[in-house]
N, C-alpha and C. Protein backbone atom coordinates (compact mmCIF):
# COMPACT_ATOMS: atom_id res chain seq x y z
N MET A 1 -12.18 -127.00 -60.79
CA MET A 1 -11.13 -125.81 -61.35
C MET A 1 -10.08 -125.96 -60.76
N ALA A 2 -8.75 -125.82 -61.61
CA ALA A 2 -7.92 -126.31 -62.06
C ALA A 2 -7.41 -124.64 -60.73
N VAL A 3 -5.63 -124.91 -60.29
CA VAL A 3 -6.13 -124.17 -59.07
C VAL A 3 -3.87 -123.85 -59.86
N LEU A 4 -3.19 -123.28 -60.09
CA LEU A 4 -1.79 -122.77 -60.66
C LEU A 4 -0.90 -121.29 -59.31
N LYS A 5 0.00 -122.70 -58.74
CA LYS A 5 0.54 -121.58 -57.79
C LYS A 5 1.52 -121.07 -58.56
N PHE A 6 2.03 -120.02 -58.25
CA PHE A 6 3.25 -119.04 -58.95
C PHE A 6 4.17 -119.29 -57.64
N ARG A 7 5.86 -119.05 -57.83
CA ARG A 7 6.44 -118.36 -56.88
C ARG A 7 7.08 -116.38 -57.45
N ILE A 8 6.64 -115.96 -57.47
CA ILE A 8 7.50 -114.74 -57.68
C ILE A 8 8.74 -114.21 -56.44
N TYR A 9 10.04 -113.94 -57.98
CA TYR A 9 10.94 -113.62 -57.35
C TYR A 9 11.23 -112.47 -57.63
N PHE A 10 11.39 -111.47 -56.84
CA PHE A 10 12.44 -110.34 -56.67
C PHE A 10 13.38 -110.73 -57.54
N GLU A 11 13.58 -109.71 -59.12
CA GLU A 11 15.13 -110.64 -60.18
C GLU A 11 15.35 -110.38 -59.17
N GLU A 12 16.82 -109.23 -58.20
CA GLU A 12 17.90 -108.64 -58.11
C GLU A 12 18.03 -109.58 -56.72
N ASP A 13 17.22 -110.30 -56.59
CA ASP A 13 17.29 -111.58 -55.27
C ASP A 13 16.20 -111.99 -54.80
N ASP A 14 16.86 -113.65 -55.46
CA ASP A 14 16.28 -114.65 -55.65
C ASP A 14 15.68 -115.15 -53.87
N SER A 15 16.25 -114.60 -52.62
CA SER A 15 15.80 -115.58 -51.75
C SER A 15 14.63 -114.45 -51.00
N ILE A 16 14.06 -113.50 -52.26
CA ILE A 16 12.88 -112.68 -51.57
C ILE A 16 11.65 -113.29 -52.70
N TYR A 17 10.72 -113.69 -52.26
CA TYR A 17 9.41 -114.19 -53.18
C TYR A 17 8.46 -114.14 -52.07
N ARG A 18 7.48 -114.36 -52.74
CA ARG A 18 6.02 -114.41 -52.61
C ARG A 18 4.99 -115.53 -53.77
N ASP A 19 4.79 -116.52 -53.03
CA ASP A 19 4.17 -117.78 -53.58
C ASP A 19 2.29 -116.78 -53.49
N VAL A 20 2.00 -117.27 -54.74
CA VAL A 20 0.83 -117.04 -55.33
C VAL A 20 -0.28 -117.38 -55.21
N ALA A 21 -1.45 -118.51 -55.54
CA ALA A 21 -1.98 -118.91 -55.50
C ALA A 21 -3.62 -118.53 -56.76
N ILE A 22 -3.77 -119.03 -58.11
CA ILE A 22 -4.63 -118.40 -58.49
C ILE A 22 -5.62 -119.61 -59.63
N LYS A 23 -6.93 -118.81 -59.85
CA LYS A 23 -7.34 -120.04 -61.07
C LYS A 23 -7.20 -120.16 -62.58
N HIS A 24 -6.91 -120.48 -62.96
CA HIS A 24 -6.88 -121.18 -63.52
C HIS A 24 -7.49 -120.15 -65.28
N THR A 25 -8.67 -119.52 -65.02
CA THR A 25 -9.37 -119.06 -65.13
C THR A 25 -9.59 -117.38 -65.64
N GLN A 26 -8.46 -116.98 -63.99
CA GLN A 26 -8.63 -115.40 -63.71
C GLN A 26 -7.65 -115.31 -65.09
N THR A 27 -7.32 -113.75 -64.65
CA THR A 27 -6.77 -113.44 -65.88
C THR A 27 -6.01 -112.33 -65.64
N PHE A 28 -4.68 -112.64 -66.13
CA PHE A 28 -3.16 -111.07 -66.41
C PHE A 28 -3.08 -110.26 -65.18
N LEU A 29 -4.49 -109.26 -65.74
CA LEU A 29 -4.88 -108.21 -64.68
C LEU A 29 -5.34 -108.80 -63.22
N GLN A 30 -5.34 -109.15 -62.96
CA GLN A 30 -5.72 -110.04 -61.62
C GLN A 30 -4.59 -110.58 -60.67
N LEU A 31 -3.68 -111.62 -61.50
CA LEU A 31 -2.35 -111.89 -61.41
C LEU A 31 -1.51 -111.07 -60.91
N GLN A 32 -1.25 -109.82 -61.93
CA GLN A 32 -1.11 -108.13 -61.24
C GLN A 32 -1.20 -108.04 -59.78
N GLN A 33 -2.60 -108.10 -60.03
CA GLN A 33 -3.12 -107.25 -59.10
C GLN A 33 -2.37 -107.80 -57.03
N VAL A 34 -2.42 -109.38 -57.57
CA VAL A 34 -1.77 -110.01 -56.29
C VAL A 34 -0.49 -109.52 -55.59
N ILE A 35 0.36 -109.60 -57.23
CA ILE A 35 2.01 -109.33 -56.98
C ILE A 35 1.81 -107.91 -56.57
N LEU A 36 1.20 -107.00 -57.53
CA LEU A 36 1.40 -105.70 -56.35
C LEU A 36 1.12 -105.86 -54.57
N LYS A 37 -0.41 -106.09 -54.91
CA LYS A 37 0.16 -106.44 -53.31
C LYS A 37 1.05 -107.26 -52.38
N SER A 38 1.08 -108.34 -52.59
CA SER A 38 1.97 -109.11 -52.64
C SER A 38 2.91 -108.43 -52.15
N TYR A 39 3.90 -107.87 -52.51
CA TYR A 39 5.32 -107.29 -52.25
C TYR A 39 5.06 -105.74 -51.52
N GLU A 40 3.59 -104.72 -51.74
CA GLU A 40 3.37 -103.65 -51.06
C GLU A 40 3.05 -102.45 -51.69
N PHE A 41 3.24 -102.69 -53.01
CA PHE A 41 3.13 -101.98 -53.83
C PHE A 41 2.24 -101.48 -54.30
N ASP A 42 1.76 -99.85 -55.68
CA ASP A 42 0.52 -99.35 -55.41
C ASP A 42 0.35 -99.95 -56.36
N ASN A 43 -0.58 -99.00 -57.23
CA ASN A 43 -1.06 -99.74 -58.86
C ASN A 43 -0.94 -98.49 -59.70
N LYS A 44 -0.52 -97.75 -59.49
CA LYS A 44 -0.19 -96.53 -60.29
C LYS A 44 0.70 -96.88 -61.49
N HIS A 45 1.07 -97.10 -61.88
CA HIS A 45 2.57 -97.28 -62.70
C HIS A 45 1.94 -97.98 -63.72
N GLN A 46 2.75 -97.98 -65.35
CA GLN A 46 2.53 -98.75 -66.22
C GLN A 46 2.85 -100.29 -66.18
N ALA A 47 2.44 -101.27 -67.10
CA ALA A 47 3.31 -103.16 -66.48
C ALA A 47 2.81 -103.61 -67.16
N THR A 48 4.15 -104.71 -67.31
CA THR A 48 3.59 -106.08 -68.96
C THR A 48 4.37 -107.18 -68.46
N PHE A 49 3.45 -108.59 -69.34
CA PHE A 49 4.14 -109.51 -68.46
C PHE A 49 4.56 -109.97 -69.96
N TYR A 50 6.10 -110.95 -69.56
CA TYR A 50 6.30 -111.73 -70.58
C TYR A 50 6.27 -113.10 -70.71
N ARG A 51 5.86 -114.03 -71.20
CA ARG A 51 5.76 -115.27 -71.42
C ARG A 51 7.36 -115.83 -71.07
N SER A 52 8.33 -116.59 -71.19
CA SER A 52 9.00 -116.69 -71.04
C SER A 52 10.23 -118.02 -70.97
N ASN A 53 10.94 -118.49 -71.30
CA ASN A 53 11.76 -119.66 -71.16
C ASN A 53 12.42 -120.08 -70.58
N ASP A 54 13.32 -121.11 -69.80
CA ASP A 54 13.92 -121.39 -69.05
C ASP A 54 15.11 -120.67 -69.18
N ASN A 55 15.20 -119.86 -70.07
CA ASN A 55 16.72 -118.62 -70.04
C ASN A 55 16.35 -117.23 -69.24
N TRP A 56 15.37 -117.56 -68.79
CA TRP A 56 14.56 -116.15 -68.58
C TRP A 56 13.79 -115.03 -69.77
N GLN A 57 14.17 -115.93 -71.64
CA GLN A 57 14.47 -115.02 -72.53
C GLN A 57 12.81 -114.59 -72.29
N ARG A 58 12.81 -113.28 -73.10
CA ARG A 58 11.48 -112.63 -73.20
C ARG A 58 10.32 -112.85 -74.28
N GLY A 59 9.50 -113.73 -73.84
CA GLY A 59 8.34 -113.82 -75.08
C GLY A 59 7.55 -113.43 -75.79
N ARG A 60 6.21 -113.57 -75.81
CA ARG A 60 5.67 -112.89 -75.99
C ARG A 60 4.67 -111.87 -75.15
N GLU A 61 4.07 -111.03 -75.65
CA GLU A 61 4.04 -110.06 -74.30
C GLU A 61 2.00 -109.50 -74.28
N ILE A 62 2.19 -109.77 -72.59
CA ILE A 62 0.46 -109.50 -72.04
C ILE A 62 1.00 -108.45 -70.95
N SER A 63 0.52 -107.14 -72.26
CA SER A 63 0.45 -105.97 -71.58
C SER A 63 -0.73 -105.26 -70.93
N LEU A 64 -0.15 -104.48 -69.76
CA LEU A 64 -1.92 -103.79 -69.23
C LEU A 64 -2.23 -102.78 -70.03
N ALA A 65 -2.06 -102.54 -71.46
CA ALA A 65 -2.62 -101.72 -72.66
C ALA A 65 -1.08 -101.61 -73.13
N LYS A 66 -2.09 -100.66 -74.45
CA LYS A 66 -0.76 -100.41 -74.96
C LYS A 66 -0.39 -99.71 -75.63
N TYR A 67 0.68 -99.06 -75.02
CA TYR A 67 1.54 -98.34 -75.02
C TYR A 67 2.81 -97.65 -76.35
N ASP A 68 2.46 -96.22 -76.35
CA ASP A 68 3.42 -95.60 -77.55
C ASP A 68 4.70 -96.24 -77.92
N LYS A 69 5.09 -97.34 -78.59
CA LYS A 69 6.33 -98.01 -78.32
C LYS A 69 5.93 -99.17 -79.08
N PRO A 70 7.07 -98.82 -80.22
CA PRO A 70 6.62 -99.90 -81.40
C PRO A 70 6.65 -101.63 -80.82
N TYR A 71 6.02 -102.71 -81.44
CA TYR A 71 5.80 -104.33 -81.61
C TYR A 71 6.17 -104.92 -82.92
N LYS A 72 7.09 -105.49 -82.85
CA LYS A 72 7.37 -106.43 -83.03
C LYS A 72 5.39 -107.09 -83.59
N VAL A 73 4.69 -107.93 -82.05
CA VAL A 73 3.97 -108.46 -82.10
C VAL A 73 3.10 -107.20 -81.49
N GLU A 74 2.40 -107.08 -81.82
CA GLU A 74 1.24 -106.52 -80.96
C GLU A 74 0.60 -107.28 -80.26
N PRO A 75 0.72 -107.04 -78.64
CA PRO A 75 0.76 -107.34 -77.36
C PRO A 75 -0.86 -108.11 -77.07
N LEU A 76 -0.55 -109.30 -76.55
CA LEU A 76 -1.95 -109.54 -76.14
C LEU A 76 -2.48 -108.59 -74.12
N LEU A 77 -3.81 -108.57 -74.15
CA LEU A 77 -3.72 -107.56 -72.93
C LEU A 77 -4.53 -107.98 -71.81
N MET A 78 -3.69 -108.13 -70.35
CA MET A 78 -4.02 -108.69 -69.77
C MET A 78 -5.64 -108.89 -69.46
N GLU A 79 -6.52 -108.40 -69.04
CA GLU A 79 -7.65 -107.90 -68.98
C GLU A 79 -8.72 -108.77 -69.77
N ASN A 80 -8.14 -109.30 -71.25
CA ASN A 80 -8.45 -110.30 -72.27
C ASN A 80 -7.99 -111.77 -71.68
N THR A 81 -6.98 -111.37 -71.06
CA THR A 81 -5.96 -113.24 -71.61
C THR A 81 -5.84 -113.52 -70.30
N THR A 82 -6.57 -114.39 -70.32
CA THR A 82 -6.49 -115.88 -68.64
C THR A 82 -5.26 -116.42 -68.99
N ILE A 83 -5.10 -116.73 -67.40
CA ILE A 83 -3.57 -117.56 -66.89
C ILE A 83 -3.38 -118.90 -67.81
N GLY A 84 -4.49 -119.59 -67.78
CA GLY A 84 -4.08 -120.89 -68.96
C GLY A 84 -4.13 -120.81 -69.66
N SER A 85 -4.84 -119.83 -70.44
CA SER A 85 -3.88 -119.85 -72.35
C SER A 85 -3.08 -119.15 -72.51
N GLU A 86 -1.99 -119.03 -71.15
CA GLU A 86 -1.11 -119.14 -71.65
C GLU A 86 0.18 -119.82 -71.19
N ILE A 87 -0.22 -120.79 -70.72
CA ILE A 87 0.78 -121.57 -69.55
C ILE A 87 0.74 -122.57 -70.91
N LYS A 88 2.14 -122.88 -71.29
CA LYS A 88 2.89 -124.01 -72.67
C LYS A 88 3.44 -124.66 -72.13
N ASP A 89 3.84 -124.66 -70.96
CA ASP A 89 4.94 -126.01 -70.03
C ASP A 89 4.43 -126.10 -68.67
N PRO A 90 4.85 -127.31 -68.29
CA PRO A 90 4.56 -127.67 -66.23
C PRO A 90 5.09 -126.33 -65.64
N ASN A 91 6.28 -126.28 -66.78
CA ASN A 91 7.48 -125.29 -65.62
C ASN A 91 6.72 -124.12 -65.92
N GLN A 92 5.78 -123.80 -66.37
CA GLN A 92 5.94 -122.41 -67.65
C GLN A 92 6.15 -120.67 -66.43
N LYS A 93 7.05 -119.85 -67.19
CA LYS A 93 8.11 -118.87 -66.69
C LYS A 93 7.16 -117.94 -67.36
N PHE A 94 7.43 -116.50 -66.69
CA PHE A 94 7.11 -115.15 -66.80
C PHE A 94 7.62 -114.51 -66.37
N ILE A 95 7.51 -113.23 -67.15
CA ILE A 95 8.11 -112.04 -66.91
C ILE A 95 7.73 -110.30 -66.51
N PHE A 96 7.59 -110.07 -65.20
CA PHE A 96 6.54 -109.32 -64.76
C PHE A 96 7.63 -107.50 -64.71
N VAL A 97 7.05 -106.93 -65.19
CA VAL A 97 7.89 -105.54 -65.30
C VAL A 97 6.72 -104.78 -65.02
N TYR A 98 7.52 -103.91 -64.19
CA TYR A 98 6.63 -102.84 -63.93
C TYR A 98 7.00 -101.61 -63.37
N ASP A 99 6.35 -100.67 -63.62
CA ASP A 99 6.71 -98.93 -63.35
C ASP A 99 7.32 -99.36 -64.73
N PHE A 100 8.36 -99.10 -65.19
CA PHE A 100 9.59 -98.97 -66.61
C PHE A 100 9.85 -97.67 -66.21
N VAL A 101 10.11 -96.46 -65.64
CA VAL A 101 10.59 -95.64 -64.83
C VAL A 101 11.70 -96.55 -64.57
N LYS A 102 11.17 -96.79 -63.03
CA LYS A 102 12.32 -97.69 -62.28
C LYS A 102 12.61 -99.17 -62.74
N ASN A 103 11.47 -99.80 -63.46
CA ASN A 103 11.56 -101.10 -64.11
C ASN A 103 12.04 -102.07 -63.05
N TRP A 104 11.15 -102.60 -61.99
CA TRP A 104 10.66 -103.51 -60.98
C TRP A 104 10.67 -104.40 -62.11
N SER A 105 11.38 -105.49 -61.97
CA SER A 105 11.46 -106.97 -62.17
C SER A 105 11.05 -107.52 -62.04
N PHE A 106 10.13 -108.36 -61.93
CA PHE A 106 10.14 -109.97 -61.09
C PHE A 106 9.64 -111.21 -62.26
N LEU A 107 10.55 -111.84 -61.67
CA LEU A 107 10.22 -113.48 -62.69
C LEU A 107 9.42 -114.61 -61.31
N VAL A 108 8.38 -115.13 -62.58
CA VAL A 108 7.38 -116.03 -62.17
C VAL A 108 7.23 -116.64 -62.66
N GLU A 109 7.19 -117.70 -62.12
CA GLU A 109 7.56 -119.65 -62.56
C GLU A 109 6.49 -119.86 -61.77
N LEU A 110 5.93 -121.18 -62.03
CA LEU A 110 4.68 -121.56 -62.42
C LEU A 110 5.69 -122.86 -61.43
N ILE A 111 5.01 -123.45 -60.01
CA ILE A 111 5.22 -124.44 -58.73
C ILE A 111 4.20 -125.78 -58.71
N SER A 112 3.02 -125.63 -59.39
CA SER A 112 2.48 -126.01 -58.55
C SER A 112 0.89 -125.88 -59.83
N VAL A 113 0.14 -127.18 -60.23
CA VAL A 113 -1.59 -127.06 -60.11
C VAL A 113 -1.99 -128.24 -59.61
N SER A 114 -2.90 -127.54 -59.22
CA SER A 114 -3.79 -128.67 -57.83
C SER A 114 -4.82 -128.33 -58.38
N LYS A 115 -6.41 -129.20 -58.09
CA LYS A 115 -7.53 -128.83 -57.72
C LYS A 115 -8.43 -127.66 -56.92
N GLU A 116 -9.13 -126.89 -57.27
CA GLU A 116 -9.90 -126.14 -55.82
C GLU A 116 -9.53 -126.73 -54.22
N GLU A 117 -8.78 -126.12 -53.39
CA GLU A 117 -8.32 -126.89 -52.15
C GLU A 117 -9.40 -126.24 -51.76
N SER A 118 -9.77 -125.28 -51.83
CA SER A 118 -10.71 -124.19 -50.42
C SER A 118 -11.89 -123.83 -50.56
N SER A 119 -13.36 -123.55 -50.96
CA SER A 119 -14.29 -122.38 -50.99
C SER A 119 -13.81 -121.07 -50.48
N LYS A 120 -12.58 -121.22 -49.46
CA LYS A 120 -12.96 -120.43 -48.22
C LYS A 120 -11.88 -119.08 -48.58
N ILE A 121 -10.93 -120.07 -49.78
CA ILE A 121 -9.68 -119.29 -49.92
C ILE A 121 -10.29 -117.99 -51.31
N ASP A 122 -10.46 -116.60 -50.76
CA ASP A 122 -10.67 -115.83 -52.04
C ASP A 122 -9.34 -116.50 -52.68
N TYR A 123 -9.19 -116.45 -54.49
CA TYR A 123 -8.55 -116.21 -55.05
C TYR A 123 -8.89 -114.90 -55.53
N PRO A 124 -7.93 -114.45 -56.83
CA PRO A 124 -6.05 -114.63 -56.42
C PRO A 124 -5.51 -114.49 -55.16
N ALA A 125 -4.26 -115.46 -54.34
CA ALA A 125 -4.25 -114.51 -52.58
C ALA A 125 -3.02 -115.59 -52.61
N MET A 126 -1.96 -113.95 -51.88
CA MET A 126 -1.03 -114.58 -51.46
C MET A 126 -0.39 -115.65 -50.73
N ILE A 127 0.06 -116.76 -50.60
CA ILE A 127 -0.19 -118.45 -49.58
C ILE A 127 1.14 -118.43 -48.86
N LYS A 128 2.40 -117.48 -48.88
CA LYS A 128 3.92 -117.20 -48.73
C LYS A 128 4.19 -116.52 -49.17
N SER A 129 4.65 -116.16 -48.20
CA SER A 129 5.78 -114.63 -48.28
C SER A 129 7.18 -115.08 -47.60
N GLU A 130 8.61 -114.30 -48.72
CA GLU A 130 9.87 -115.38 -47.42
C GLU A 130 10.95 -113.67 -48.12
N GLY A 131 10.94 -113.70 -47.82
CA GLY A 131 12.00 -112.16 -47.47
C GLY A 131 11.64 -110.90 -47.46
N ILE A 132 12.26 -109.88 -46.70
CA ILE A 132 11.19 -108.59 -46.70
C ILE A 132 11.82 -108.58 -48.40
N ALA A 133 10.39 -107.42 -48.86
CA ALA A 133 9.89 -106.76 -50.02
C ALA A 133 10.59 -105.68 -50.23
N PRO A 134 11.54 -105.51 -51.19
CA PRO A 134 12.18 -103.91 -51.58
C PRO A 134 11.20 -103.03 -51.52
N SER A 135 11.42 -101.99 -51.01
CA SER A 135 10.32 -100.80 -50.81
C SER A 135 10.38 -99.94 -52.18
N GLN A 136 9.12 -99.72 -52.72
CA GLN A 136 8.69 -99.15 -53.72
C GLN A 136 9.39 -97.70 -54.11
N TYR A 137 9.26 -96.72 -53.07
CA TYR A 137 9.74 -95.41 -53.07
C TYR A 137 10.57 -95.17 -52.03
N GLY A 138 11.03 -96.13 -51.24
CA GLY A 138 11.90 -95.12 -50.34
C GLY A 138 12.69 -96.24 -49.98
N THR A 139 13.55 -96.82 -48.56
CA THR A 139 14.37 -97.59 -48.37
C THR A 139 13.61 -98.23 -46.65
N LYS A 140 13.19 -99.53 -46.02
CA LYS A 140 12.77 -99.91 -44.91
C LYS A 140 14.43 -100.14 -44.20
N GLY A 141 13.70 -99.69 -43.01
CA GLY A 141 15.05 -99.88 -41.92
C GLY A 141 13.92 -101.04 -40.48
N ILE A 142 14.99 -101.29 -39.74
CA ILE A 142 14.25 -101.72 -38.57
C ILE A 142 14.40 -100.06 -37.53
N ALA A 143 13.17 -100.29 -36.72
CA ALA A 143 12.99 -99.30 -35.54
C ALA A 143 12.74 -99.49 -34.69
N GLY A 144 13.71 -100.25 -32.94
CA GLY A 144 12.37 -100.90 -32.44
C GLY A 144 12.43 -102.33 -32.99
N ASP A 145 11.06 -102.84 -32.81
CA ASP A 145 11.28 -104.20 -33.10
C ASP A 145 9.67 -103.78 -33.97
N LYS A 146 10.02 -103.13 -34.93
CA LYS A 146 8.77 -102.86 -35.77
C LYS A 146 9.77 -102.43 -37.63
N LEU A 147 9.29 -103.15 -38.31
CA LEU A 147 9.44 -102.79 -39.25
C LEU A 147 8.88 -101.49 -40.00
N THR A 148 9.90 -100.38 -40.20
CA THR A 148 9.52 -99.16 -40.63
C THR A 148 10.12 -98.76 -41.92
N GLU A 149 9.19 -97.55 -42.85
CA GLU A 149 9.61 -97.42 -44.11
C GLU A 149 10.10 -96.31 -43.73
N MET A 150 11.36 -95.69 -44.71
CA MET A 150 12.15 -94.52 -44.56
C MET A 150 12.70 -93.99 -45.53
N GLU A 151 11.87 -92.73 -45.70
CA GLU A 151 12.50 -91.94 -47.11
C GLU A 151 12.84 -90.58 -47.26
N GLU A 152 14.65 -91.25 -48.42
CA GLU A 152 15.21 -90.73 -47.67
C GLU A 152 15.47 -89.29 -48.04
N LYS A 153 15.87 -88.11 -47.29
CA LYS A 153 16.41 -86.81 -47.94
C LYS A 153 17.76 -85.96 -48.11
N TYR A 154 17.44 -85.49 -48.55
CA TYR A 154 18.53 -84.76 -48.59
C TYR A 154 18.64 -83.14 -48.04
N ASP A 155 19.24 -82.61 -47.89
CA ASP A 155 19.64 -81.36 -47.49
C ASP A 155 19.98 -80.61 -48.92
N LEU A 156 19.24 -80.69 -49.91
CA LEU A 156 19.96 -79.46 -51.21
C LEU A 156 19.65 -77.87 -51.05
N LYS A 157 19.54 -77.07 -50.12
CA LYS A 157 19.63 -75.57 -49.94
C LYS A 157 21.19 -74.92 -50.94
N ALA A 158 21.07 -73.96 -50.71
CA ALA A 158 22.31 -73.21 -51.33
C ALA A 158 22.96 -73.18 -50.56
N GLY A 159 24.76 -73.92 -50.67
CA GLY A 159 25.34 -73.07 -50.31
C GLY A 159 25.77 -74.38 -48.99
N THR A 160 24.98 -75.42 -49.16
CA THR A 160 25.41 -77.27 -48.38
C THR A 160 25.42 -77.89 -49.78
N GLU A 161 25.51 -77.44 -51.19
CA GLU A 161 26.37 -78.84 -51.98
C GLU A 161 27.72 -78.80 -51.62
N GLY A 162 28.59 -78.63 -51.11
CA GLY A 162 29.98 -78.31 -51.02
C GLY A 162 30.91 -79.52 -49.25
N PHE A 163 31.81 -79.16 -49.54
CA PHE A 163 32.24 -79.06 -48.12
C PHE A 163 33.71 -78.14 -48.04
N GLY A 164 33.37 -77.87 -47.29
CA GLY A 164 34.91 -76.47 -47.07
C GLY A 164 36.12 -77.19 -46.70
N THR A 165 36.92 -76.12 -46.97
CA THR A 165 38.45 -76.84 -46.57
C THR A 165 39.10 -76.53 -45.19
N GLU A 166 40.01 -77.48 -44.99
CA GLU A 166 39.98 -77.72 -43.02
C GLU A 166 39.66 -76.41 -42.48
N GLY A 167 39.69 -75.80 -41.42
CA GLY A 167 39.87 -75.22 -40.20
C GLY A 167 39.06 -74.06 -41.06
N ASP A 168 38.63 -74.13 -41.79
CA ASP A 168 37.09 -72.97 -41.90
C ASP A 168 35.39 -73.55 -41.34
N GLU A 169 35.80 -73.68 -40.32
CA GLU A 169 34.23 -73.88 -39.68
C GLU A 169 34.18 -72.95 -39.40
N ASP A 170 32.67 -73.21 -39.27
CA ASP A 170 31.73 -71.74 -38.91
C ASP A 170 31.77 -71.71 -37.85
N GLU A 171 32.79 -70.48 -37.26
CA GLU A 171 32.39 -69.98 -36.07
C GLU A 171 31.47 -70.31 -35.43
N GLU A 172 29.56 -69.84 -36.00
CA GLU A 172 28.08 -70.08 -35.36
C GLU A 172 28.80 -71.60 -35.02
N ASP A 173 29.08 -72.18 -36.14
CA ASP A 173 28.48 -74.14 -35.85
C ASP A 173 29.49 -74.52 -34.52
N LEU A 174 30.70 -73.85 -34.56
CA LEU A 174 31.53 -74.17 -33.11
C LEU A 174 31.04 -73.89 -32.39
N GLY A 175 29.26 -73.37 -31.95
CA GLY A 175 29.05 -72.42 -30.89
C GLY A 175 29.85 -71.46 -29.78
N LEU A 176 30.83 -70.87 -30.75
CA LEU A 176 31.57 -69.50 -30.85
C LEU A 176 30.88 -68.08 -30.55
N GLY A 177 30.07 -67.25 -30.47
CA GLY A 177 29.96 -66.25 -30.43
C GLY A 177 30.43 -64.91 -30.30
N GLU A 178 30.21 -63.65 -30.32
CA GLU A 178 30.59 -62.74 -30.45
C GLU A 178 31.69 -63.04 -28.63
N GLU A 179 31.33 -63.25 -28.41
CA GLU A 179 32.00 -63.55 -26.67
C GLU A 179 33.66 -63.66 -27.32
N ALA A 180 33.68 -64.75 -27.83
CA ALA A 180 34.66 -65.53 -28.17
C ALA A 180 35.79 -64.68 -28.72
N GLU A 181 35.01 -63.72 -29.78
CA GLU A 181 35.11 -63.02 -30.85
C GLU A 181 35.93 -62.08 -30.03
N GLU A 182 35.13 -61.36 -28.59
CA GLU A 182 36.50 -59.95 -28.07
C GLU A 182 37.42 -59.70 -27.40
N GLY A 183 38.23 -61.09 -26.64
CA GLY A 183 38.73 -61.22 -26.15
C GLY A 183 39.40 -62.53 -25.61
N GLY A 184 37.32 -63.10 -25.25
CA GLY A 184 38.05 -64.62 -24.80
C GLY A 184 37.82 -64.74 -23.59
N GLN A 185 39.40 -63.84 -22.92
CA GLN A 185 39.91 -64.24 -21.32
C GLN A 185 39.40 -63.26 -20.93
N ASP A 186 38.85 -63.53 -19.81
CA ASP A 186 39.14 -62.36 -18.34
C ASP A 186 39.96 -61.25 -18.08
N ASP A 187 40.06 -60.48 -17.94
CA ASP A 187 41.37 -59.34 -17.74
C ASP A 187 41.27 -59.11 -17.12
N GLU A 188 40.70 -59.39 -15.05
CA GLU A 188 40.51 -59.02 -14.32
C GLU A 188 41.17 -59.67 -13.85
N VAL A 189 42.07 -58.98 -12.77
CA VAL A 189 43.04 -59.05 -11.83
C VAL A 189 43.08 -60.08 -10.40
């Protein structure tokens, strides 16, 4: 049985990629699941693959579902389409788009075809990881020696949306209370 190895690049930075191995009889739905797992994304959003050429132009669509959008050609469905049936070139490429609101795009390139290497591997599987994956909902940062997820938060309460003019600081913010306003100096001699 043929095992296909794909390199999945994060579209915005080709130094970030994941290599995955999948059997040619497995489906695009399974390929989607291993891509999302390898990039630590959830599986809650719409998604689609496009068969592509060497210039990364979008061709035939292989979709998770039929969405309410106009199609020139009815898309294939991921769950019914095997990977091997869509390999037309030894360097076959696909574009994977996930979450149509955020429009995460990944470039999927066939890098090798081999015989099944080991029955110990549960296909599909991630076999190599390079670079820090983008965070689906927040930003990633290093805290100490561990990589942590941080979510950006902003104080959007009324009155905090602008900046005052110079010298217009609030006395309480400067640590000045009523004592400073009442004289501030000792009148005793």
